[in-house]
C-alpha atoms as a PDB file:
ATOM      1  CA  UNK A   1      -5.125   3.750 -30.080  1.00  0.00           C
ATOM      2  CA  UNK A   2      -3.322   5.786 -27.344  1.00  0.00           C
ATOM      3  CA  UNK A   3      -0.073   4.634 -26.893  1.00  0.00           C
ATOM      4  CA  UNK A   4       0.851   4.010 -22.798  1.00  0.00           C
ATOM      5  CA  UNK A   5       2.922   7.076 -21.187  1.00  0.00           C
ATOM      6  CA  UNK A   6       6.228   5.397 -20.060  1.00  0.00           C
ATOM      7  CA  UNK A   7       8.703   6.684 -17.836  1.00  0.00           C
ATOM      8  CA  UNK A   8      12.417   5.409 -18.401  1.00  0.00           C
ATOM      9  CA  UNK A   9      14.582   6.199 -15.652  1.00  0.00           C
ATOM     10  CA  UNK A  10      18.323   6.469 -16.300  1.00  0.00           C
ATOM     11  CA  UNK A  11      19.686   4.589 -13.664  1.00  0.00           C
ATOM     12  CA  UNK A  12      23.413   4.803 -12.338  1.00  0.00           C
ATOM     13  CA  UNK A  13      25.150   7.002 -14.965  1.00  0.00           C
ATOM     14  CA  UNK A  14      28.291   5.665 -14.359  1.00  0.00           C
ATOM     15  CA  UNK A  15      27.113   2.257 -16.033  1.00  0.00           C
ATOM     16  CA  UNK A  16      25.319   1.677 -19.459  1.00  0.00           C
ATOM     17  CA  UNK A  17      21.816   3.253 -18.537  1.00  0.00           C
ATOM     18  CA  UNK A  18      22.315   6.410 -20.731  1.00  0.00           C
ATOM     19  CA  UNK A  19      23.770   4.243 -23.978  1.00  0.00           C
ATOM     20  CA  UNK A  20      20.966   1.280 -23.686  1.00  0.00           C
ATOM     21  CA  UNK A  21      18.304   4.163 -23.314  1.00  0.00           C
ATOM     22  CA  UNK A  22      19.544   6.112 -26.363  1.00  0.00           C
ATOM     23  CA  UNK A  23      19.967   2.845 -28.482  1.00  0.00           C
ATOM     24  CA  UNK A  24      16.612   1.592 -27.743  1.00  0.00           C
ATOM     25  CA  UNK A  25      14.709   4.967 -28.017  1.00  0.00           C
ATOM     26  CA  UNK A  26      13.795   4.636 -31.872  1.00  0.00           C
ATOM     27  CA  UNK A  27      11.788   0.969 -30.621  1.00  0.00           C
ATOM     28  CA  UNK A  28      10.418   2.763 -27.645  1.00  0.00           C
ATOM     29  CA  UNK A  29       8.825   5.466 -29.454  1.00  0.00           C
ATOM     30  CA  UNK A  30       7.061   2.904 -31.734  1.00  0.00           C
ATOM     31  CA  UNK A  31       5.437   1.122 -29.188  1.00  0.00           C
ATOM     32  CA  UNK A  32       4.958   3.835 -26.459  1.00  0.00           C
ATOM     33  CA  UNK A  33       4.752   7.599 -25.290  1.00  0.00           C
ATOM     34  CA  UNK A  34       8.136   7.598 -23.219  1.00  0.00           C
ATOM     35  CA  UNK A  35       9.867  10.345 -21.454  1.00  0.00           C
ATOM     36  CA  UNK A  36      13.301   9.914 -19.632  1.00  0.00           C
ATOM     37  CA  UNK A  37      13.876  10.677 -16.177  1.00  0.00           C
ATOM     38  CA  UNK A  38      17.258  11.473 -15.524  1.00  0.00           C
ATOM     39  CA  UNK A  39      19.984  14.099 -16.296  1.00  0.00           C
ATOM     40  CA  UNK A  40      19.892  15.623 -19.892  1.00  0.00           C
ATOM     41  CA  UNK A  41      23.710  16.164 -20.351  1.00  0.00           C
ATOM     42  CA  UNK A  42      24.225  12.230 -19.633  1.00  0.00           C
ATOM     43  CA  UNK A  43      21.455  11.389 -21.770  1.00  0.00           C
ATOM     44  CA  UNK A  44      23.452  13.259 -24.559  1.00  0.00           C
ATOM     45  CA  UNK A  45      26.481  11.162 -23.702  1.00  0.00           C
ATOM     46  CA  UNK A  46      24.321   7.959 -24.257  1.00  0.00           C
ATOM     47  CA  UNK A  47      23.337   9.626 -27.685  1.00  0.00           C
ATOM     48  CA  UNK A  48      26.946  10.093 -28.737  1.00  0.00           C
ATOM     49  CA  UNK A  49      28.002   6.583 -27.608  1.00  0.00           C
ATOM     50  CA  UNK A  50      25.031   5.276 -29.750  1.00  0.00           C
ATOM     51  CA  UNK A  51      25.975   6.967 -32.688  1.00  0.00           C
ATOM     52  CA  UNK A  52      22.701   8.487 -32.779  1.00  0.00           C
ATOM     53  CA  UNK A  53      21.477  11.886 -34.163  1.00  0.00           C
ATOM     54  CA  UNK A  54      18.584  12.408 -31.822  1.00  0.00           C
ATOM     55  CA  UNK A  55      18.071  15.678 -29.879  1.00  0.00           C
ATOM     56  CA  UNK A  56      17.661  15.794 -26.174  1.00  0.00           C
ATOM     57  CA  UNK A  57      14.957  18.021 -24.703  1.00  0.00           C
ATOM     58  CA  UNK A  58      15.109  18.991 -21.427  1.00  0.00           C
ATOM     59  CA  UNK A  59      11.169  19.204 -20.274  1.00  0.00           C
ATOM     60  CA  UNK A  60       9.415  19.643 -16.920  1.00  0.00           C
ATOM     61  CA  UNK A  61       6.241  17.325 -17.467  1.00  0.00           C
ATOM     62  CA  UNK A  62       5.500  14.065 -19.226  1.00  0.00           C
ATOM     63  CA  UNK A  63       2.759  15.887 -21.020  1.00  0.00           C
ATOM     64  CA  UNK A  64       5.634  18.588 -22.517  1.00  0.00           C
ATOM     65  CA  UNK A  65       7.448  15.596 -23.952  1.00  0.00           C
ATOM     66  CA  UNK A  66       6.578  15.122 -27.705  1.00  0.00           C
ATOM     67  CA  UNK A  67       8.770  12.243 -28.334  1.00  0.00           C
ATOM     68  CA  UNK A  68       9.713  11.099 -31.691  1.00  0.00           C
ATOM     69  CA  UNK A  69      12.797   8.978 -32.936  1.00  0.00           C
ATOM     70  CA  UNK A  70      14.843  12.187 -33.504  1.00  0.00           C
ATOM     71  CA  UNK A  71      13.418  14.012 -30.018  1.00  0.00           C
ATOM     72  CA  UNK A  72      14.407  12.575 -26.364  1.00  0.00           C
ATOM     73  CA  UNK A  73      12.248  14.424 -23.812  1.00  0.00           C
ATOM     74  CA  UNK A  74      14.152  14.149 -20.239  1.00  0.00           C
ATOM     75  CA  UNK A  75      13.038  15.404 -17.000  1.00  0.00           C
ATOM     76  CA  UNK A  76      16.049  16.776 -14.694  1.00  0.00           C
ATOM     77  CA  UNK A  77      15.195  14.820 -11.462  1.00  0.00           C
ATOM     78  CA  UNK A  78      18.600  15.244  -9.290  1.00  0.00           C
ATOM     79  CA  UNK A  79      20.109  17.893  -7.706  1.00  0.00           C
ATOM     80  CA  UNK A  80      23.135  16.114  -7.634  1.00  0.00           C
ATOM     81  CA  UNK A  81      26.618  17.303  -9.487  1.00  0.00           C
ATOM     82  CA  UNK A  82      27.484  14.751 -12.238  1.00  0.00           C
ATOM     83  CA  UNK A  83      30.045  16.305 -13.809  1.00  0.00           C
ATOM     84  CA  UNK A  84      32.632  14.145 -11.984  1.00  0.00           C
ATOM     85  CA  UNK A  85      30.979  10.767 -12.787  1.00  0.00           C
ATOM     86  CA  UNK A  86      33.373   8.643 -14.522  1.00  0.00           C
ATOM     87  CA  UNK A  87      31.995   5.588 -16.394  1.00  0.00           C
ATOM     88  CA  UNK A  88      32.402   2.369 -14.824  1.00  0.00           C
ATOM     89  CA  UNK A  89      33.493   3.786 -11.180  1.00  0.00           C
ATOM     90  CA  UNK A  90      31.213   3.641  -8.227  1.00  0.00           C
ATOM     91  CA  UNK A  91      30.220   7.205  -7.356  1.00  0.00           C
ATOM     92  CA  UNK A  92      28.016   8.301  -4.361  1.00  0.00           C
ATOM     93  CA  UNK A  93      26.822  11.087  -6.697  1.00  0.00           C
ATOM     94  CA  UNK A  94      25.506   8.777  -9.653  1.00  0.00           C
ATOM     95  CA  UNK A  95      24.188   6.536  -6.617  1.00  0.00           C
ATOM     96  CA  UNK A  96      22.029   9.230  -5.088  1.00  0.00           C
ATOM     97  CA  UNK A  97      21.216  10.472  -8.635  1.00  0.00           C
ATOM     98  CA  UNK A  98      19.650   6.883  -9.372  1.00  0.00           C
ATOM     99  CA  UNK A  99      17.705   6.883  -6.455  1.00  0.00           C
ATOM    100  CA  UNK A 100      16.325  10.405  -7.169  1.00  0.00           C
ATOM    101  CA  UNK A 101      15.319   9.469 -10.610  1.00  0.00           C
ATOM    102  CA  UNK A 102      13.441   6.251  -9.507  1.00  0.00           C
ATOM    103  CA  UNK A 103      11.642   8.316  -6.672  1.00  0.00           C
ATOM    104  CA  UNK A 104      10.706  11.215  -9.201  1.00  0.00           C
ATOM    105  CA  UNK A 105       9.631   8.226 -11.831  1.00  0.00           C
ATOM    106  CA  UNK A 106       7.185   6.628  -8.786  1.00  0.00           C
ATOM    107  CA  UNK A 107       6.010   9.783  -7.617  1.00  0.00           C
ATOM    108  CA  UNK A 108       4.647  10.825 -11.127  1.00  0.00           C
ATOM    109  CA  UNK A 109       3.252   7.497 -12.100  1.00  0.00           C
ATOM    110  CA  UNK A 110       1.609   7.391  -8.526  1.00  0.00           C
ATOM    111  CA  UNK A 111      -0.240  10.820  -9.382  1.00  0.00           C
ATOM    112  CA  UNK A 112      -1.194   9.202 -12.971  1.00  0.00           C
ATOM    113  CA  UNK A 113       1.078  11.638 -14.908  1.00  0.00           C
ATOM    114  CA  UNK A 114       2.369   8.473 -16.311  1.00  0.00           C
ATOM    115  CA  UNK A 115       1.018   4.627 -17.028  1.00  0.00           C
ATOM    116  CA  UNK A 116       4.215   2.586 -16.299  1.00  0.00           C
ATOM    117  CA  UNK A 117       7.782   2.700 -15.154  1.00  0.00           C
ATOM    118  CA  UNK A 118      10.663   1.214 -17.001  1.00  0.00           C
ATOM    119  CA  UNK A 119      14.106   1.615 -15.359  1.00  0.00           C
ATOM    120  CA  UNK A 120      17.517   1.058 -16.412  1.00  0.00           C
ATOM    121  CA  UNK A 121      20.032  -0.680 -14.055  1.00  0.00           C
ATOM    122  CA  UNK A 122      21.236   1.094 -10.950  1.00  0.00           C
ATOM    123  CA  UNK A 123      24.249   0.062  -8.645  1.00  0.00           C
ATOM    124  CA  UNK A 124      24.017  -1.283  -5.125  1.00  0.00           C
ATOM    125  CA  UNK A 125      27.616  -0.155  -4.249  1.00  0.00           C
ATOM    126  CA  UNK A 126      26.727   3.313  -5.639  1.00  0.00           C
ATOM    127  CA  UNK A 127      23.433   3.682  -3.385  1.00  0.00           C
ATOM    128  CA  UNK A 128      25.762   2.557  -0.485  1.00  0.00           C
ATOM    129  CA  UNK A 129      28.145   5.205  -1.137  1.00  0.00           C
ATOM    130  CA  UNK A 130      25.501   7.528  -0.944  1.00  0.00           C
ATOM    131  CA  UNK A 131      24.367   6.182   2.187  1.00  0.00           C
ATOM    132  CA  UNK A 132      21.273   4.445   0.976  1.00  0.00           C
ATOM    133  CA  UNK A 133      20.858   1.105   2.641  1.00  0.00           C
ATOM    134  CA  UNK A 134      18.581  -0.696  -0.164  1.00  0.00           C
ATOM    135  CA  UNK A 135      19.109  -3.900  -1.764  1.00  0.00           C
ATOM    136  CA  UNK A 136      17.984  -2.605  -5.195  1.00  0.00           C
ATOM    137  CA  UNK A 137      15.050  -1.144  -7.087  1.00  0.00           C
ATOM    138  CA  UNK A 138      12.455  -3.508  -5.681  1.00  0.00           C
ATOM    139  CA  UNK A 139      12.748  -2.495  -2.133  1.00  0.00           C
ATOM    140  CA  UNK A 140      12.905   1.294  -2.945  1.00  0.00           C
ATOM    141  CA  UNK A 141       9.658   0.793  -4.898  1.00  0.00           C
ATOM    142  CA  UNK A 142       7.998  -0.936  -1.957  1.00  0.00           C
ATOM    143  CA  UNK A 143       8.797   1.257   0.466  1.00  0.00           C
ATOM    144  CA  UNK A 144       7.704   4.455  -1.629  1.00  0.00           C
ATOM    145  CA  UNK A 145       4.323   2.855  -2.832  1.00  0.00           C
ATOM    146  CA  UNK A 146       3.612   1.106   0.990  1.00  0.00           C
ATOM    147  CA  UNK A 147       3.460  -2.096  -0.724  1.00  0.00           C
ATOM    148  CA  UNK A 148       3.750  -4.953   2.164  1.00  0.00           C
ATOM    149  CA  UNK A 149       3.216  -7.726  -0.480  1.00  0.00           C
ATOM    150  CA  UNK A 150       5.682  -7.704  -3.486  1.00  0.00           C
ATOM    151  CA  UNK A 151       8.001  -9.956  -5.555  1.00  0.00           C
ATOM    152  CA  UNK A 152      10.724  -9.743  -7.946  1.00  0.00           C
ATOM    153  CA  UNK A 153       9.653 -11.674 -11.177  1.00  0.00           C
ATOM    154  CA  UNK A 154      11.697 -12.389 -14.028  1.00  0.00           C
ATOM    155  CA  UNK A 155       9.826 -12.865 -17.335  1.00  0.00           C
ATOM    156  CA  UNK A 156      11.007 -14.065 -20.839  1.00  0.00           C
ATOM    157  CA  UNK A 157       9.795 -16.274 -23.314  1.00  0.00           C
ATOM    158  CA  UNK A 158       6.334 -17.192 -21.840  1.00  0.00           C
ATOM    159  CA  UNK A 159       7.863 -18.364 -18.023  1.00  0.00           C
ATOM    160  CA  UNK A 160       7.898 -16.185 -14.997  1.00  0.00           C
ATOM    161  CA  UNK A 161       9.861 -16.803 -11.994  1.00  0.00           C
ATOM    162  CA  UNK A 162       8.905 -14.998  -8.740  1.00  0.00           C
ATOM    163  CA  UNK A 163      11.597 -15.415  -5.830  1.00  0.00           C
ATOM    164  CA  UNK A 164      10.470 -15.863  -2.320  1.00  0.00           C
ATOM    165  CA  UNK A 165      13.827 -14.436  -0.806  1.00  0.00           C
ATOM    166  CA  UNK A 166      15.700 -12.066  -2.931  1.00  0.00           C
ATOM    167  CA  UNK A 167      18.836  -9.816  -1.985  1.00  0.00           C
ATOM    168  CA  UNK A 168      20.369 -11.239   0.754  1.00  0.00           C
ATOM    169  CA  UNK A 169      23.426 -13.792   1.662  1.00  0.00           C
ATOM    170  CA  UNK A 170      22.693 -17.890   1.207  1.00  0.00           C
ATOM    171  CA  UNK A 171      23.117 -18.113   4.957  1.00  0.00           C
ATOM    172  CA  UNK A 172      20.270 -15.979   5.739  1.00  0.00           C
ATOM    173  CA  UNK A 173      17.814 -17.457   3.313  1.00  0.00           C
ATOM    174  CA  UNK A 174      16.653 -20.357   5.591  1.00  0.00           C
ATOM    175  CA  UNK A 175      15.572 -18.097   8.377  1.00  0.00           C
ATOM    176  CA  UNK A 176      13.575 -15.980   5.906  1.00  0.00           C
ATOM    177  CA  UNK A 177      11.675 -18.982   4.250  1.00  0.00           C
ATOM    178  CA  UNK A 178       7.895 -19.751   5.908  1.00  0.00           C
ATOM    179  CA  UNK A 179       5.065 -21.044   4.446  1.00  0.00           C
ATOM    180  CA  UNK A 180       3.421 -17.619   4.299  1.00  0.00           C
ATOM    181  CA  UNK A 181       6.101 -16.330   2.566  1.00  0.00           C
ATOM    182  CA  UNK A 182       5.906 -19.093  -0.231  1.00  0.00           C
ATOM    183  CA  UNK A 183       2.050 -18.674  -0.486  1.00  0.00           C
ATOM    184  CA  UNK A 184       2.213 -15.141  -1.259  1.00  0.00           C
ATOM    185  CA  UNK A 185       4.934 -15.355  -3.963  1.00  0.00           C
ATOM    186  CA  UNK A 186       2.645 -17.940  -5.547  1.00  0.00           C
ATOM    187  CA  UNK A 187      -0.498 -15.946  -5.169  1.00  0.00           C
ATOM    188  CA  UNK A 188       1.593 -12.575  -6.820  1.00  0.00           C
ATOM    189  CA  UNK A 189       2.083 -14.855  -9.866  1.00  0.00           C
ATOM    190  CA  UNK A 190      -1.367 -15.973  -9.674  1.00  0.00           C
ATOM    191  CA  UNK A 191      -2.462 -12.017 -10.039  1.00  0.00           C
ATOM    192  CA  UNK A 192       0.048 -11.079 -12.557  1.00  0.00           C
ATOM    193  CA  UNK A 193       0.380 -13.911 -15.405  1.00  0.00           C
ATOM    194  CA  UNK A 194      -3.165 -13.721 -16.389  1.00  0.00           C
ATOM    195  CA  UNK A 195      -2.459 -10.154 -17.786  1.00  0.00           C
ATOM    196  CA  UNK A 196       0.684 -11.562 -19.526  1.00  0.00           C
ATOM    197  CA  UNK A 197      -0.906 -14.938 -20.755  1.00  0.00           C
ATOM    198  CA  UNK A 198      -4.693 -14.052 -21.226  1.00  0.00           C
ATOM    199  CA  UNK A 199      -5.314 -17.290 -18.977  1.00  0.00           C
ATOM    200  CA  UNK A 200      -5.323 -19.040 -15.769  1.00  0.00           C
ATOM    201  CA  UNK A 201      -1.953 -19.798 -15.251  1.00  0.00           C
ATOM    202  CA  UNK A 202      -0.039 -23.241 -14.224  1.00  0.00           C
ATOM    203  CA  UNK A 203       2.587 -22.872 -11.288  1.00  0.00           C
ATOM    204  CA  UNK A 204       5.337 -24.816 -10.247  1.00  0.00           C
ATOM    205  CA  UNK A 205       7.246 -24.561  -6.771  1.00  0.00           C
ATOM    206  CA  UNK A 206      10.787 -25.304  -6.983  1.00  0.00           C
ATOM    207  CA  UNK A 207      12.300 -26.997  -3.845  1.00  0.00           C
ATOM    208  CA  UNK A 208      15.158 -25.793  -1.830  1.00  0.00           C
ATOM    209  CA  UNK A 209      17.129 -28.874  -1.416  1.00  0.00           C
ATOM    210  CA  UNK A 210      18.722 -31.152  -4.251  1.00  0.00           C
ATOM    211  CA  UNK A 211      16.158 -33.777  -5.341  1.00  0.00           C
ATOM    212  CA  UNK A 212      13.588 -31.823  -3.115  1.00  0.00           C
ATOM    213  CA  UNK A 213      15.354 -33.519  -0.255  1.00  0.00           C
ATOM    214  CA  UNK A 214      14.868 -37.249  -1.341  1.00  0.00           C
ATOM    215  CA  UNK A 215      12.231 -37.868   1.280  1.00  0.00           C
ATOM    216  CA  UNK A 216      14.131 -35.832   3.941  1.00  0.00           C
ATOM    217  CA  UNK A 217      17.534 -37.339   3.514  1.00  0.00           C
ATOM    218  CA  UNK A 218      18.981 -33.685   2.492  1.00  0.00           C
ATOM    219  CA  UNK A 219      16.829 -31.563   4.838  1.00  0.00           C
ATOM    220  CA  UNK A 220      12.829 -31.071   5.718  1.00  0.00           C
ATOM    221  CA  UNK A 221      12.027 -27.463   4.254  1.00  0.00           C
ATOM    222  CA  UNK A 222      10.194 -29.247   1.400  1.00  0.00           C
ATOM    223  CA  UNK A 223       7.601 -31.089   4.112  1.00  0.00           C
ATOM    224  CA  UNK A 224       7.652 -28.512   6.733  1.00  0.00           C
ATOM    225  CA  UNK A 225       7.551 -25.166   5.045  1.00  0.00           C
ATOM    226  CA  UNK A 226       7.184 -25.597   0.810  1.00  0.00           C
ATOM    227  CA  UNK A 227       4.246 -28.514   0.695  1.00  0.00           C
ATOM    228  CA  UNK A 228       1.901 -27.026   3.132  1.00  0.00           C
ATOM    229  CA  UNK A 229       2.201 -23.472   1.240  1.00  0.00           C
ATOM    230  CA  UNK A 230       1.690 -25.410  -2.237  1.00  0.00           C
ATOM    231  CA  UNK A 231      -1.812 -27.280  -0.504  1.00  0.00           C
ATOM    232  CA  UNK A 232      -2.931 -23.943   0.935  1.00  0.00           C
ATOM    233  CA  UNK A 233      -2.551 -22.245  -2.509  1.00  0.00           C
ATOM    234  CA  UNK A 234      -4.458 -25.214  -4.128  1.00  0.00           C
ATOM    235  CA  UNK A 235      -7.174 -24.593  -1.456  1.00  0.00           C
ATOM    236  CA  UNK A 236      -7.591 -21.251  -2.960  1.00  0.00           C
ATOM    237  CA  UNK A 237      -8.445 -22.503  -6.360  1.00  0.00           C
ATOM    238  CA  UNK A 238      -4.622 -22.024  -7.744  1.00  0.00           C
ATOM    239  CA  UNK A 239      -3.325 -24.303 -10.150  1.00  0.00           C
ATOM    240  CA  UNK A 240       0.053 -25.070  -8.271  1.00  0.00           C
ATOM    241  CA  UNK A 241       1.928 -28.004  -7.821  1.00  0.00           C
ATOM    242  CA  UNK A 242       5.372 -29.095  -5.926  1.00  0.00           C
ATOM    243  CA  UNK A 243       8.054 -28.832  -4.390  1.00  0.00           C
ATOM    244  CA  UNK A 244       9.779 -29.889  -7.420  1.00  0.00           C
ATOM    245  CA  UNK A 245      13.742 -30.194  -7.609  1.00  0.00           C
ATOM    246  CA  UNK A 246      14.426 -27.176  -9.393  1.00  0.00           C
ATOM    247  CA  UNK A 247      16.718 -28.628 -12.009  1.00  0.00           C
ATOM    248  CA  UNK A 248      14.087 -30.541 -13.581  1.00  0.00           C
ATOM    249  CA  UNK A 249      11.254 -28.069 -13.116  1.00  0.00           C
ATOM    250  CA  UNK A 250      12.789 -25.614 -15.104  1.00  0.00           C
ATOM    251  CA  UNK A 251      13.265 -28.297 -17.892  1.00  0.00           C
ATOM    252  CA  UNK A 252       9.447 -28.894 -17.603  1.00  0.00           C
ATOM    253  CA  UNK A 253       8.638 -25.594 -17.605  1.00  0.00           C
ATOM    254  CA  UNK A 254      10.739 -25.184 -20.835  1.00  0.00           C
ATOM    255  CA  UNK A 255       8.704 -27.907 -22.494  1.00  0.00           C
ATOM    256  CA  UNK A 256       5.304 -26.045 -21.616  1.00  0.00           C
ATOM    257  CA  UNK A 257       4.133 -27.684 -18.641  1.00  0.00           C
ATOM    258  CA  UNK A 258       4.217 -24.471 -16.348  1.00  0.00           C
ATOM    259  CA  UNK A 259       3.830 -20.998 -16.920  1.00  0.00           C
ATOM    260  CA  UNK A 260       5.254 -19.591 -13.801  1.00  0.00           C
ATOM    261  CA  UNK A 261       7.821 -20.999 -11.326  1.00  0.00           C
ATOM    262  CA  UNK A 262       8.109 -19.944  -7.508  1.00  0.00           C
ATOM    263  CA  UNK A 263      11.952 -20.305  -6.264  1.00  0.00           C
ATOM    264  CA  UNK A 264      13.228 -20.258  -2.927  1.00  0.00           C
ATOM    265  CA  UNK A 265      16.166 -17.794  -3.416  1.00  0.00           C
ATOM    266  CA  UNK A 266      17.789 -15.264  -5.915  1.00  0.00           C
ATOM    267  CA  UNK A 267      20.242 -17.440  -8.024  1.00  0.00           C
ATOM    268  CA  UNK A 268      17.760 -20.551  -8.177  1.00  0.00           C
ATOM    269  CA  UNK A 269      15.681 -18.509 -10.607  1.00  0.00           C
ATOM    270  CA  UNK A 270      18.141 -16.184 -12.329  1.00  0.00           C
ATOM    271  CA  UNK A 271      20.527 -18.575 -13.431  1.00  0.00           C
ATOM    272  CA  UNK A 272      17.992 -20.593 -15.323  1.00  0.00           C
ATOM    273  CA  UNK A 273      15.973 -17.777 -16.720  1.00  0.00           C
ATOM    274  CA  UNK A 274      19.047 -15.736 -18.042  1.00  0.00           C
ATOM    275  CA  UNK A 275      20.233 -19.071 -19.642  1.00  0.00           C
ATOM    276  CA  UNK A 276      17.298 -19.448 -21.319  1.00  0.00           C
ATOM    277  CA  UNK A 277      16.385 -15.875 -22.299  1.00  0.00           C
ATOM    278  CA  UNK A 278      19.399 -13.834 -22.364  1.00  0.00           C
ATOM    279  CA  UNK A 279      18.758 -10.240 -23.549  1.00  0.00           C
ATOM    280  CA  UNK A 280      14.974 -11.120 -23.931  1.00  0.00           C
ATOM    281  CA  UNK A 281      14.657 -11.582 -19.851  1.00  0.00           C
ATOM    282  CA  UNK A 282      12.781  -8.861 -18.079  1.00  0.00           C
ATOM    283  CA  UNK A 283      12.294  -7.805 -14.346  1.00  0.00           C
ATOM    284  CA  UNK A 284       8.789  -7.066 -13.364  1.00  0.00           C
ATOM    285  CA  UNK A 285       7.844  -5.713  -9.778  1.00  0.00           C
ATOM    286  CA  UNK A 286       4.619  -7.905  -8.775  1.00  0.00           C
ATOM    287  CA  UNK A 287       2.362  -6.668  -6.131  1.00  0.00           C
ATOM    288  CA  UNK A 288       2.823  -2.993  -6.529  1.00  0.00           C
ATOM    289  CA  UNK A 289       0.165  -0.289  -7.026  1.00  0.00           C
ATOM    290  CA  UNK A 290       1.906   0.772 -10.419  1.00  0.00           C
ATOM    291  CA  UNK A 291       3.463  -1.156 -13.142  1.00  0.00           C
ATOM    292  CA  UNK A 292       7.308  -1.304 -13.036  1.00  0.00           C
ATOM    293  CA  UNK A 293       9.258  -3.378 -15.494  1.00  0.00           C
ATOM    294  CA  UNK A 294      13.345  -3.266 -16.051  1.00  0.00           C
ATOM    295  CA  UNK A 295      16.146  -4.608 -17.674  1.00  0.00           C
ATOM    296  CA  UNK A 296      17.424  -7.935 -16.266  1.00  0.00           C
ATOM    297  CA  UNK A 297      20.921  -6.998 -16.240  1.00  0.00           C
ATOM    298  CA  UNK A 298      23.347  -4.689 -14.317  1.00  0.00           C
ATOM    299  CA  UNK A 299      25.328  -1.553 -14.905  1.00  0.00           C
ATOM    300  CA  UNK A 300      27.674  -3.354 -16.618  1.00  0.00           C
ATOM    301  CA  UNK A 301      30.752  -0.940 -15.784  1.00  0.00           C
ATOM    302  CA  UNK A 302      33.303  -3.150 -17.381  1.00  0.00           C
ATOM    303  CA  UNK A 303      32.143  -1.743 -20.810  1.00  0.00           C
ATOM    304  CA  UNK A 304      30.476   1.591 -19.624  1.00  0.00           C
ATOM    305  CA  UNK A 305      31.299   4.262 -22.085  1.00  0.00           C
ATOM    306  CA  UNK A 306      32.687   1.963 -24.773  1.00  0.00           C
ATOM    307  CA  UNK A 307      29.603   1.903 -27.019  1.00  0.00           C
ATOM    308  CA  UNK A 308      29.365  -1.699 -26.598  1.00  0.00           C
ATOM    309  CA  UNK A 309      26.050  -2.184 -24.680  1.00  0.00           C
ATOM    310  CA  UNK A 310      22.837  -4.208 -26.011  1.00  0.00           C
ATOM    311  CA  UNK A 311      19.510  -2.294 -25.629  1.00  0.00           C
ATOM    312  CA  UNK A 312      17.668  -5.615 -26.124  1.00  0.00           C
ATOM    313  CA  UNK A 313      16.593  -6.196 -22.307  1.00  0.00           C
ATOM    314  CA  UNK A 314      15.348  -2.325 -22.296  1.00  0.00           C
ATOM    315  CA  UNK A 315      13.165  -2.832 -25.229  1.00  0.00           C
ATOM    316  CA  UNK A 316      11.681  -6.218 -23.996  1.00  0.00           C
ATOM    317  CA  UNK A 317      10.934  -4.305 -20.790  1.00  0.00           C
ATOM    318  CA  UNK A 318       9.256  -1.538 -22.508  1.00  0.00           C
ATOM    319  CA  UNK A 319       7.019  -3.884 -24.274  1.00  0.00           C
ATOM    320  CA  UNK A 320       5.995  -5.702 -21.516  1.00  0.00           C
ATOM    321  CA  UNK A 321       5.451  -2.444 -19.583  1.00  0.00           C
ATOM    322  CA  UNK A 322       3.065  -1.272 -22.156  1.00  0.00           C
ATOM    323  CA  UNK A 323       1.307  -4.520 -22.102  1.00  0.00           C
ATOM    324  CA  UNK A 324       0.702  -4.539 -18.453  1.00  0.00           C
ATOM    325  CA  UNK A 325      -0.389  -0.887 -18.604  1.00  0.00           C
ATOM    326  CA  UNK A 326      -2.785  -1.594 -21.194  1.00  0.00           C
ATOM    327  CA  UNK A 327      -4.347  -4.606 -19.106  1.00  0.00           C
ATOM    328  CA  UNK A 328      -5.544  -2.856 -15.999  1.00  0.00           C
ATOM    329  CA  UNK A 329      -3.928  -3.660 -12.218  1.00  0.00           C
END
């Protein structure tokens, strides 16, 4: 069988991206035909940190790559001068380069030069320093692929979590919640999960307030916003239920009652999933016309350049990307 062609973006080079790419490389080539989209000299730095003997080979096109455990093909995808970047420090050039790497990978995948994208982490402050006002990868991907309905999904150990709101202040969550937005995320999970599970999923929808508001004692968002969205999903044939208190919902999912969970805000999903899965957790962009997965951690500036990074999430992300690429959109 032909291995899926994966583009691995290097992310913010001031973080751990170069190191985890180098550490993960022997596993990546076992399951896919990968090419790094980044800057070759920084991939070489990652190779040295990882204690690898692999050789970095600059190429101009994924078809020229011929990857192996000893050969890491890399496409130079930025005009930024990265020689002054210091690991662990916010840098405008590194922020802009991370954006360039991602855009190049998106364009190549949209042009069918690759089957999927796997991203190393970028830094939101780095983007901002470069004058790029995006909250993260997900929003850049949606804009560049002209996607209006999308979701950030965390996947790990058989459970997927979609977020109705994502990168915003908690005080802004309330005005961004509505029944249509909740229903959209339920439908995106319904579309994604059969490709991972091979069957129709069971979806639980989390409440916003403690105890799902206890009949209105702690708010009315459950009755006014979330419950109508669940009923609309059920009317479309989706196996969905809720709103359930988030603390009990994740326990029930852990016991096997649910395959997918829709949460109302970022930390409602992230904390539970990262405690559950740790380095096995994978970020999936649902709703895009291309396959994109990512590590489920940040740039880890505190350990960048120290040779301490864990490549587990990148390997898991590549495995999921390969599976989704083989399942069809």
